[in-house]
Every structure is written in structure tokens, then in C-alpha cells.
Amino acid sequence: MGSLILVEGPDKAGKTTLAKRLSYLLGWHYLHTGPAPDLNKAFEHNLNALLVYRDKVVIDRLHLSTRVYGPIFHNQNLLSTYDIEVLEGLLRSKKAMVVYCRPPSDIMDAQLEEVDDPYESLALANVVRESYDSLMRKRDDVYHYDYTTANALGRLLKWIEGSI
């Protein structure tokens, strides 16, 4: 029985909106992790997030975003291979469901242009998206979610129902 949903994706992809909505609809806990306050403690930050709730939790970002954003914004991998293996093992033990939010780039670009954001340019946003896309293509346990498609939430809920 899957008891954890991990929602990942680039900025302005709809992660937080989706994670909060799933939490409400399923009656599960919601947890937003964000980046580690201390970059040297990224592993501990991610591990603690996985241990906060025993089950029935929707997590808005975890180690996958750390793997994407660390090299791009901090010029270093913030997690070791061992750290990743431990976190992935915990996700498997909890039968985690990974949802990758990825609407079309032009939709995200329009939203990025409306707010102050950490990107110096939309070109940097594309680097983040390409890094996420590459990482997610290597996984076989991911549901690709695009909120701009018809009945996107309904289809996702059916997938979750089949995975619980």
C-alpha cells in the first residue's frame, strides 16, 4: 500500500498547488520541504522530511529537487551517491508514488515573468527543466502530470487509487 506521494518539478510547474490539493482530497498530511537551510546538511534535511510522518503524507519536493538545483545554483552536488541510495531506499520501503509536475515550458515561463524569482533569465529556467526532464526519464516509477491537459487531476487520482 503506497503511503507517500512525492511531488517534484521545476518552479512554477504547479507542485505546491497539486500537493495541497491531493492532501486535501486524500485526507493525508501535507509537507513542504523546500531547500535545506544549511547546504552542508541537505541529506539530514531530506531524511528528516521522510521521517516526519509514518504514512499518508504528500511531500512537496525532496531529494530530487536537491539533485537538480544543487549543481545549477551551488555548483556542487549536495547529496552523495550513498545519501541518494538511502533516501531512495526509504521511498521504496514506503512504496512512494512520485509525481512529476511538468506543464509546457511557455506556461511556466509566463508565470516566472510575473514574479521575482531566483532565475537570471528564462535560459536558466530551461536548464533547470532540462535537468529535471533528464532525471525523470531515468526513473520508471514516475507519473507525469501536466495540469493544462483535460481531466489531469482525475487521471492522476485514478493512478493513485490503483497504486494504494
N, C-alpha and C. Protein backbone atom coordinates (compact mmCIF):
# COMPACT_ATOMS: atom_id res chain seq x y z
N MET A 1 0.83 -1.18 0.00
CA MET A 1 0.00 0.00 0.00
C MET A 1 0.87 1.25 0.00
N GLY A 2 0.76 2.09 -1.02
CA GLY A 2 1.50 3.33 -1.08
C GLY A 2 1.00 4.29 -0.02
N SER A 3 1.92 4.85 0.73
CA SER A 3 1.52 5.74 1.81
C SER A 3 2.21 7.09 1.72
N LEU A 4 2.89 7.35 0.62
CA LEU A 4 3.62 8.59 0.46
C LEU A 4 3.57 9.00 -1.01
N ILE A 5 3.25 10.25 -1.24
CA ILE A 5 3.29 10.82 -2.59
C ILE A 5 4.32 11.92 -2.57
N LEU A 6 5.28 11.83 -3.45
CA LEU A 6 6.31 12.84 -3.60
C LEU A 6 6.01 13.63 -4.87
N VAL A 7 5.82 14.94 -4.72
CA VAL A 7 5.52 15.80 -5.86
C VAL A 7 6.77 16.61 -6.17
N GLU A 8 7.27 16.47 -7.38
CA GLU A 8 8.51 17.14 -7.80
C GLU A 8 8.27 17.90 -9.10
N GLY A 9 9.20 18.78 -9.42
CA GLY A 9 9.15 19.51 -10.68
C GLY A 9 9.77 20.87 -10.54
N PRO A 10 10.01 21.53 -11.67
CA PRO A 10 10.63 22.85 -11.65
C PRO A 10 9.71 23.91 -11.04
N ASP A 11 10.28 25.07 -10.75
CA ASP A 11 9.49 26.19 -10.25
C ASP A 11 8.39 26.54 -11.24
N LYS A 12 7.24 26.88 -10.68
CA LYS A 12 6.04 27.30 -11.44
C LYS A 12 5.43 26.16 -12.24
N ALA A 13 5.68 24.92 -11.82
CA ALA A 13 5.09 23.76 -12.50
C ALA A 13 3.77 23.33 -11.87
N GLY A 14 3.40 23.93 -10.73
CA GLY A 14 2.15 23.59 -10.07
C GLY A 14 2.29 22.59 -8.94
N LYS A 15 3.50 22.38 -8.45
CA LYS A 15 3.75 21.37 -7.40
C LYS A 15 2.98 21.65 -6.12
N THR A 16 3.13 22.84 -5.60
CA THR A 16 2.51 23.16 -4.31
C THR A 16 0.99 23.12 -4.42
N THR A 17 0.46 23.67 -5.48
CA THR A 17 -0.99 23.63 -5.69
C THR A 17 -1.47 22.19 -5.74
N LEU A 18 -0.77 21.35 -6.51
CA LEU A 18 -1.17 19.95 -6.62
C LEU A 18 -1.00 19.22 -5.30
N ALA A 19 0.13 19.40 -4.64
CA ALA A 19 0.39 18.69 -3.38
C ALA A 19 -0.67 19.04 -2.33
N LYS A 20 -1.00 20.30 -2.21
CA LYS A 20 -2.03 20.71 -1.24
C LYS A 20 -3.39 20.14 -1.62
N ARG A 21 -3.69 20.13 -2.91
CA ARG A 21 -4.99 19.60 -3.38
C ARG A 21 -5.07 18.10 -3.10
N LEU A 22 -4.01 17.36 -3.41
CA LEU A 22 -4.00 15.92 -3.14
C LEU A 22 -4.14 15.64 -1.65
N SER A 23 -3.43 16.41 -0.85
CA SER A 23 -3.50 16.25 0.59
C SER A 23 -4.94 16.42 1.07
N TYR A 24 -5.59 17.44 0.58
CA TYR A 24 -6.99 17.71 0.96
C TYR A 24 -7.92 16.59 0.49
N LEU A 25 -7.80 16.23 -0.79
CA LEU A 25 -8.71 15.22 -1.35
C LEU A 25 -8.52 13.84 -0.72
N LEU A 26 -7.28 13.50 -0.40
CA LEU A 26 -7.00 12.18 0.17
C LEU A 26 -7.10 12.16 1.69
N GLY A 27 -7.12 13.34 2.30
CA GLY A 27 -7.12 13.42 3.77
C GLY A 27 -5.77 13.05 4.36
N TRP A 28 -4.70 13.30 3.60
CA TRP A 28 -3.35 12.98 4.04
C TRP A 28 -2.66 14.25 4.55
N HIS A 29 -1.55 14.06 5.24
CA HIS A 29 -0.73 15.18 5.70
C HIS A 29 -0.07 15.84 4.49
N TYR A 30 0.24 17.12 4.63
CA TYR A 30 0.97 17.86 3.61
C TYR A 30 2.28 18.35 4.23
N LEU A 31 3.39 18.18 3.50
CA LEU A 31 4.68 18.65 3.98
C LEU A 31 5.44 19.30 2.84
N HIS A 32 5.79 20.55 3.01
CA HIS A 32 6.62 21.26 2.04
C HIS A 32 8.03 21.35 2.61
N THR A 33 9.01 20.78 1.90
CA THR A 33 10.35 20.75 2.46
C THR A 33 11.17 21.96 2.05
N GLY A 34 11.15 22.36 0.80
CA GLY A 34 11.99 23.45 0.37
C GLY A 34 13.46 23.08 0.47
N PRO A 35 14.34 24.02 0.16
CA PRO A 35 15.77 23.72 0.23
C PRO A 35 16.25 23.63 1.67
N ALA A 36 17.34 22.91 1.87
CA ALA A 36 17.94 22.80 3.20
C ALA A 36 18.48 24.16 3.63
N PRO A 37 18.17 24.58 4.86
CA PRO A 37 18.68 25.87 5.34
C PRO A 37 20.22 25.90 5.37
N ASP A 38 20.81 24.75 5.65
CA ASP A 38 22.26 24.62 5.67
C ASP A 38 22.63 23.64 4.55
N LEU A 39 23.28 24.15 3.51
CA LEU A 39 23.60 23.31 2.35
C LEU A 39 24.42 22.09 2.72
N ASN A 40 25.19 22.17 3.79
CA ASN A 40 26.01 21.03 4.22
C ASN A 40 25.18 19.95 4.91
N LYS A 41 23.91 20.24 5.14
CA LYS A 41 23.04 19.28 5.80
C LYS A 41 21.84 18.90 4.92
N ALA A 42 22.05 18.87 3.61
CA ALA A 42 20.97 18.54 2.68
C ALA A 42 20.44 17.13 2.92
N PHE A 43 21.34 16.19 3.20
CA PHE A 43 20.91 14.81 3.45
C PHE A 43 20.01 14.75 4.69
N GLU A 44 20.45 15.34 5.78
CA GLU A 44 19.68 15.33 7.02
C GLU A 44 18.32 15.99 6.83
N HIS A 45 18.30 17.09 6.09
CA HIS A 45 17.06 17.81 5.81
C HIS A 45 16.06 16.91 5.07
N ASN A 46 16.54 16.23 4.04
CA ASN A 46 15.67 15.35 3.26
C ASN A 46 15.26 14.12 4.07
N LEU A 47 16.19 13.55 4.80
CA LEU A 47 15.89 12.38 5.63
C LEU A 47 14.83 12.71 6.67
N ASN A 48 14.98 13.83 7.36
CA ASN A 48 14.01 14.22 8.37
C ASN A 48 12.61 14.38 7.77
N ALA A 49 12.55 14.91 6.56
CA ALA A 49 11.25 15.07 5.90
C ALA A 49 10.58 13.72 5.68
N LEU A 50 11.38 12.72 5.35
CA LEU A 50 10.80 11.38 5.14
C LEU A 50 10.38 10.72 6.45
N LEU A 51 10.94 11.15 7.55
CA LEU A 51 10.66 10.51 8.83
C LEU A 51 9.61 11.24 9.67
N VAL A 52 9.18 12.42 9.22
CA VAL A 52 8.22 13.22 10.00
C VAL A 52 6.90 12.46 10.18
N TYR A 53 6.39 11.91 9.11
CA TYR A 53 5.12 11.17 9.16
C TYR A 53 5.38 9.72 8.80
N ARG A 54 4.73 8.82 9.49
CA ARG A 54 4.90 7.40 9.20
C ARG A 54 4.28 7.03 7.85
N ASP A 55 3.12 7.58 7.59
CA ASP A 55 2.44 7.28 6.33
C ASP A 55 1.40 8.36 6.02
N LYS A 56 0.78 8.20 4.89
CA LYS A 56 -0.26 9.11 4.42
C LYS A 56 0.20 10.57 4.43
N VAL A 57 1.21 10.81 3.62
CA VAL A 57 1.76 12.16 3.50
C VAL A 57 2.04 12.49 2.04
N VAL A 58 1.76 13.73 1.68
CA VAL A 58 2.12 14.27 0.38
C VAL A 58 3.27 15.24 0.62
N ILE A 59 4.43 14.94 0.04
CA ILE A 59 5.61 15.78 0.23
C ILE A 59 5.84 16.62 -1.02
N ASP A 60 5.92 17.91 -0.80
CA ASP A 60 6.17 18.89 -1.86
C ASP A 60 7.68 19.12 -1.91
N ARG A 61 8.33 18.43 -2.80
CA ARG A 61 9.78 18.48 -3.04
C ARG A 61 10.57 17.70 -2.00
N LEU A 62 11.62 17.04 -2.52
CA LEU A 62 12.51 16.31 -1.63
C LEU A 62 13.89 16.27 -2.29
N HIS A 63 14.52 15.11 -2.26
CA HIS A 63 15.90 14.99 -2.72
C HIS A 63 16.06 15.16 -4.22
N LEU A 64 15.02 14.90 -5.00
CA LEU A 64 15.16 15.04 -6.45
C LEU A 64 15.41 16.51 -6.82
N SER A 65 14.72 17.41 -6.14
CA SER A 65 14.97 18.83 -6.41
C SER A 65 16.36 19.23 -5.93
N THR A 66 16.82 18.63 -4.82
CA THR A 66 18.18 18.90 -4.34
C THR A 66 19.19 18.47 -5.40
N ARG A 67 18.92 17.34 -6.06
CA ARG A 67 19.82 16.85 -7.10
C ARG A 67 19.84 17.78 -8.32
N VAL A 68 18.71 18.42 -8.60
CA VAL A 68 18.65 19.33 -9.75
C VAL A 68 19.25 20.69 -9.41
N TYR A 69 18.78 21.28 -8.34
CA TYR A 69 19.15 22.66 -8.02
C TYR A 69 20.56 22.80 -7.46
N GLY A 70 21.08 21.80 -6.75
CA GLY A 70 22.42 21.89 -6.18
C GLY A 70 23.49 22.22 -7.21
N PRO A 71 23.63 21.39 -8.25
CA PRO A 71 24.66 21.67 -9.26
C PRO A 71 24.43 22.98 -10.02
N ILE A 72 23.18 23.36 -10.23
CA ILE A 72 22.89 24.56 -11.02
C ILE A 72 23.14 25.83 -10.22
N PHE A 73 22.65 25.89 -8.99
CA PHE A 73 22.73 27.13 -8.21
C PHE A 73 23.89 27.17 -7.21
N HIS A 74 24.45 26.01 -6.88
CA HIS A 74 25.52 25.98 -5.88
C HIS A 74 26.81 25.35 -6.42
N ASN A 75 26.80 24.97 -7.70
CA ASN A 75 27.97 24.38 -8.36
C ASN A 75 28.50 23.14 -7.66
N GLN A 76 27.60 22.40 -7.02
CA GLN A 76 28.02 21.16 -6.38
C GLN A 76 26.83 20.25 -6.15
N ASN A 77 27.12 18.97 -6.11
CA ASN A 77 26.11 18.00 -5.71
C ASN A 77 26.01 18.07 -4.19
N LEU A 78 24.81 18.29 -3.69
CA LEU A 78 24.62 18.43 -2.25
C LEU A 78 24.35 17.09 -1.58
N LEU A 79 24.16 16.05 -2.39
CA LEU A 79 23.93 14.70 -1.88
C LEU A 79 24.94 13.75 -2.49
N SER A 80 25.49 12.87 -1.67
CA SER A 80 26.42 11.85 -2.18
C SER A 80 25.61 10.70 -2.78
N THR A 81 26.30 9.83 -3.48
CA THR A 81 25.65 8.64 -4.03
C THR A 81 25.02 7.82 -2.90
N TYR A 82 25.73 7.70 -1.79
CA TYR A 82 25.21 6.97 -0.63
C TYR A 82 23.94 7.64 -0.10
N ASP A 83 23.96 8.98 0.03
CA ASP A 83 22.78 9.71 0.51
C ASP A 83 21.57 9.40 -0.37
N ILE A 84 21.77 9.44 -1.67
CA ILE A 84 20.68 9.19 -2.62
C ILE A 84 20.17 7.77 -2.46
N GLU A 85 21.07 6.80 -2.33
CA GLU A 85 20.65 5.41 -2.15
C GLU A 85 19.82 5.23 -0.89
N VAL A 86 20.21 5.87 0.20
CA VAL A 86 19.45 5.77 1.45
C VAL A 86 18.06 6.37 1.28
N LEU A 87 17.99 7.57 0.70
CA LEU A 87 16.70 8.23 0.52
C LEU A 87 15.80 7.44 -0.43
N GLU A 88 16.38 6.93 -1.52
CA GLU A 88 15.60 6.12 -2.47
C GLU A 88 15.11 4.83 -1.81
N GLY A 89 15.95 4.23 -0.97
CA GLY A 89 15.55 3.03 -0.25
C GLY A 89 14.38 3.28 0.67
N LEU A 90 14.40 4.41 1.35
CA LEU A 90 13.27 4.78 2.22
C LEU A 90 12.00 5.00 1.40
N LEU A 91 12.14 5.65 0.26
CA LEU A 91 10.98 5.85 -0.60
C LEU A 91 10.40 4.51 -1.06
N ARG A 92 11.28 3.59 -1.45
CA ARG A 92 10.80 2.26 -1.87
C ARG A 92 10.12 1.54 -0.71
N SER A 93 10.69 1.63 0.49
CA SER A 93 10.11 0.94 1.64
C SER A 93 8.73 1.50 1.98
N LYS A 94 8.48 2.76 1.65
CA LYS A 94 7.18 3.37 1.90
C LYS A 94 6.26 3.25 0.68
N LYS A 95 6.76 2.55 -0.35
CA LYS A 95 6.01 2.40 -1.60
C LYS A 95 5.55 3.77 -2.13
N ALA A 96 6.51 4.69 -2.14
CA ALA A 96 6.22 6.06 -2.54
C ALA A 96 5.79 6.15 -4.00
N MET A 97 4.88 7.07 -4.26
CA MET A 97 4.45 7.39 -5.62
C MET A 97 5.08 8.74 -5.96
N VAL A 98 5.77 8.82 -7.09
CA VAL A 98 6.44 10.05 -7.50
C VAL A 98 5.63 10.69 -8.62
N VAL A 99 5.27 11.95 -8.41
CA VAL A 99 4.51 12.70 -9.41
C VAL A 99 5.41 13.84 -9.89
N TYR A 100 5.64 13.87 -11.19
CA TYR A 100 6.47 14.92 -11.79
C TYR A 100 5.57 15.93 -12.47
N CYS A 101 5.51 17.13 -11.91
CA CYS A 101 4.71 18.21 -12.49
C CYS A 101 5.51 18.86 -13.60
N ARG A 102 4.93 18.84 -14.79
CA ARG A 102 5.68 19.42 -15.92
C ARG A 102 4.71 19.93 -17.00
N PRO A 103 4.14 21.11 -16.78
CA PRO A 103 3.34 21.71 -17.85
C PRO A 103 4.26 22.22 -18.95
N PRO A 104 3.72 22.67 -20.07
CA PRO A 104 4.56 23.21 -21.15
C PRO A 104 5.43 24.37 -20.66
N SER A 105 6.62 24.47 -21.23
CA SER A 105 7.58 25.50 -20.83
C SER A 105 7.03 26.91 -20.97
N ASP A 106 6.26 27.17 -22.02
CA ASP A 106 5.75 28.54 -22.21
C ASP A 106 4.80 28.95 -21.09
N ILE A 107 4.08 28.00 -20.53
CA ILE A 107 3.18 28.30 -19.40
C ILE A 107 4.02 28.68 -18.18
N MET A 108 5.06 27.90 -17.90
CA MET A 108 5.91 28.21 -16.75
C MET A 108 6.67 29.52 -16.96
N ASP A 109 7.14 29.76 -18.18
CA ASP A 109 7.85 31.00 -18.48
C ASP A 109 6.97 32.21 -18.21
N ALA A 110 5.72 32.16 -18.62
CA ALA A 110 4.80 33.28 -18.40
C ALA A 110 4.64 33.54 -16.90
N GLN A 111 4.57 32.49 -16.10
CA GLN A 111 4.42 32.66 -14.66
C GLN A 111 5.72 33.17 -14.02
N LEU A 112 6.86 32.71 -14.52
CA LEU A 112 8.14 33.20 -13.98
C LEU A 112 8.32 34.69 -14.26
N GLU A 113 7.83 35.15 -15.38
CA GLU A 113 7.97 36.56 -15.74
C GLU A 113 7.12 37.47 -14.85
N GLU A 114 6.10 36.89 -14.19
CA GLU A 114 5.19 37.69 -13.36
C GLU A 114 5.70 37.94 -11.95
N VAL A 115 6.70 37.18 -11.50
CA VAL A 115 7.14 37.29 -10.10
C VAL A 115 8.66 37.42 -10.03
N ASP A 116 9.13 37.91 -8.89
CA ASP A 116 10.57 37.88 -8.65
C ASP A 116 10.95 36.44 -8.41
N ASP A 117 11.98 35.99 -9.07
CA ASP A 117 12.38 34.60 -8.94
C ASP A 117 13.90 34.49 -8.91
N PRO A 118 14.41 33.31 -8.60
CA PRO A 118 15.87 33.17 -8.49
C PRO A 118 16.59 33.08 -9.84
N TYR A 119 15.85 33.13 -10.91
CA TYR A 119 16.47 32.96 -12.22
C TYR A 119 16.93 34.28 -12.79
N GLU A 120 18.12 34.27 -13.36
CA GLU A 120 18.63 35.47 -14.01
C GLU A 120 18.00 35.62 -15.40
N SER A 121 17.56 34.51 -15.94
CA SER A 121 16.97 34.54 -17.27
C SER A 121 16.12 33.29 -17.47
N LEU A 122 15.29 33.36 -18.49
CA LEU A 122 14.49 32.18 -18.82
C LEU A 122 15.38 31.05 -19.33
N ALA A 123 16.56 31.40 -19.83
CA ALA A 123 17.50 30.36 -20.27
C ALA A 123 17.91 29.49 -19.09
N LEU A 124 18.10 30.09 -17.92
CA LEU A 124 18.44 29.32 -16.72
C LEU A 124 17.27 28.44 -16.31
N ALA A 125 16.06 28.95 -16.44
CA ALA A 125 14.88 28.13 -16.15
C ALA A 125 14.84 26.92 -17.06
N ASN A 126 15.26 27.09 -18.31
CA ASN A 126 15.31 25.95 -19.24
C ASN A 126 16.34 24.93 -18.81
N VAL A 127 17.47 25.39 -18.27
CA VAL A 127 18.49 24.46 -17.77
C VAL A 127 17.91 23.62 -16.64
N VAL A 128 17.17 24.25 -15.74
CA VAL A 128 16.53 23.53 -14.64
C VAL A 128 15.55 22.49 -15.19
N ARG A 129 14.71 22.91 -16.13
CA ARG A 129 13.71 21.98 -16.70
C ARG A 129 14.39 20.82 -17.41
N GLU A 130 15.45 21.10 -18.17
CA GLU A 130 16.16 20.02 -18.87
C GLU A 130 16.79 19.05 -17.88
N SER A 131 17.31 19.57 -16.78
CA SER A 131 17.91 18.71 -15.76
C SER A 131 16.84 17.82 -15.12
N TYR A 132 15.71 18.41 -14.77
CA TYR A 132 14.59 17.62 -14.23
C TYR A 132 14.12 16.58 -15.23
N ASP A 133 13.92 17.00 -16.48
CA ASP A 133 13.44 16.07 -17.51
C ASP A 133 14.39 14.89 -17.65
N SER A 134 15.69 15.15 -17.66
CA SER A 134 16.69 14.10 -17.78
C SER A 134 16.62 13.15 -16.59
N LEU A 135 16.53 13.71 -15.39
CA LEU A 135 16.45 12.89 -14.18
C LEU A 135 15.20 12.02 -14.17
N MET A 136 14.08 12.59 -14.57
CA MET A 136 12.82 11.85 -14.53
C MET A 136 12.73 10.78 -15.61
N ARG A 137 13.40 11.01 -16.74
CA ARG A 137 13.41 9.99 -17.80
C ARG A 137 14.10 8.72 -17.35
N LYS A 138 15.01 8.83 -16.39
CA LYS A 138 15.76 7.67 -15.90
C LYS A 138 14.97 6.85 -14.89
N ARG A 139 13.83 7.35 -14.46
CA ARG A 139 13.02 6.66 -13.45
C ARG A 139 11.85 5.95 -14.12
N ASP A 140 11.48 4.80 -13.57
CA ASP A 140 10.32 4.09 -14.12
C ASP A 140 9.13 4.12 -13.16
N ASP A 141 9.24 4.92 -12.09
CA ASP A 141 8.20 4.96 -11.08
C ASP A 141 7.51 6.33 -11.01
N VAL A 142 7.49 7.05 -12.13
CA VAL A 142 7.02 8.43 -12.12
C VAL A 142 5.72 8.59 -12.90
N TYR A 143 4.81 9.34 -12.34
CA TYR A 143 3.61 9.77 -13.06
C TYR A 143 3.86 11.19 -13.55
N HIS A 144 3.75 11.41 -14.85
CA HIS A 144 3.98 12.73 -15.43
C HIS A 144 2.66 13.49 -15.44
N TYR A 145 2.64 14.62 -14.74
CA TYR A 145 1.41 15.40 -14.55
C TYR A 145 1.54 16.76 -15.21
N ASP A 146 0.59 17.06 -16.08
CA ASP A 146 0.53 18.36 -16.75
C ASP A 146 -0.87 18.92 -16.51
N TYR A 147 -0.97 19.91 -15.62
CA TYR A 147 -2.27 20.44 -15.24
C TYR A 147 -3.01 21.13 -16.39
N THR A 148 -2.33 21.38 -17.51
CA THR A 148 -3.01 22.04 -18.63
C THR A 148 -3.79 21.06 -19.50
N THR A 149 -3.64 19.77 -19.26
CA THR A 149 -4.37 18.78 -20.06
C THR A 149 -5.73 18.49 -19.45
N ALA A 150 -6.66 18.07 -20.29
CA ALA A 150 -8.03 17.79 -19.85
C ALA A 150 -8.05 16.69 -18.79
N ASN A 151 -8.80 16.90 -17.74
CA ASN A 151 -9.02 15.93 -16.66
C ASN A 151 -7.71 15.41 -16.06
N ALA A 152 -6.71 16.29 -15.98
CA ALA A 152 -5.40 15.88 -15.46
C ALA A 152 -5.50 15.36 -14.03
N LEU A 153 -6.22 16.08 -13.18
CA LEU A 153 -6.33 15.67 -11.79
C LEU A 153 -7.11 14.36 -11.65
N GLY A 154 -8.16 14.21 -12.42
CA GLY A 154 -8.95 12.97 -12.38
C GLY A 154 -8.11 11.75 -12.77
N ARG A 155 -7.31 11.89 -13.81
CA ARG A 155 -6.45 10.78 -14.25
C ARG A 155 -5.40 10.46 -13.19
N LEU A 156 -4.84 11.50 -12.59
CA LEU A 156 -3.84 11.28 -11.54
C LEU A 156 -4.47 10.57 -10.35
N LEU A 157 -5.65 10.97 -9.95
CA LEU A 157 -6.32 10.32 -8.81
C LEU A 157 -6.59 8.84 -9.09
N LYS A 158 -6.95 8.52 -10.32
CA LYS A 158 -7.15 7.10 -10.68
C LYS A 158 -5.83 6.32 -10.57
N TRP A 159 -4.73 6.94 -11.01
CA TRP A 159 -3.42 6.30 -10.90
C TRP A 159 -3.06 6.06 -9.44
N ILE A 160 -3.29 7.08 -8.62
CA ILE A 160 -3.01 6.96 -7.19
C ILE A 160 -3.87 5.85 -6.57
N GLU A 161 -5.13 5.85 -6.90
CA GLU A 161 -6.05 4.82 -6.39
C GLU A 161 -5.57 3.42 -6.75
N GLY A 162 -5.05 3.26 -7.96
CA GLY A 162 -4.52 1.97 -8.39
C GLY A 162 -3.20 1.61 -7.74
N SER A 163 -2.53 2.61 -7.16
CA SER A 163 -1.23 2.38 -6.54
C SER A 163 -1.30 2.21 -5.02
N ILE A 164 -2.44 2.55 -4.44
CA ILE A 164 -2.59 2.47 -2.98
C ILE A 164 -2.91 1.04 -2.57
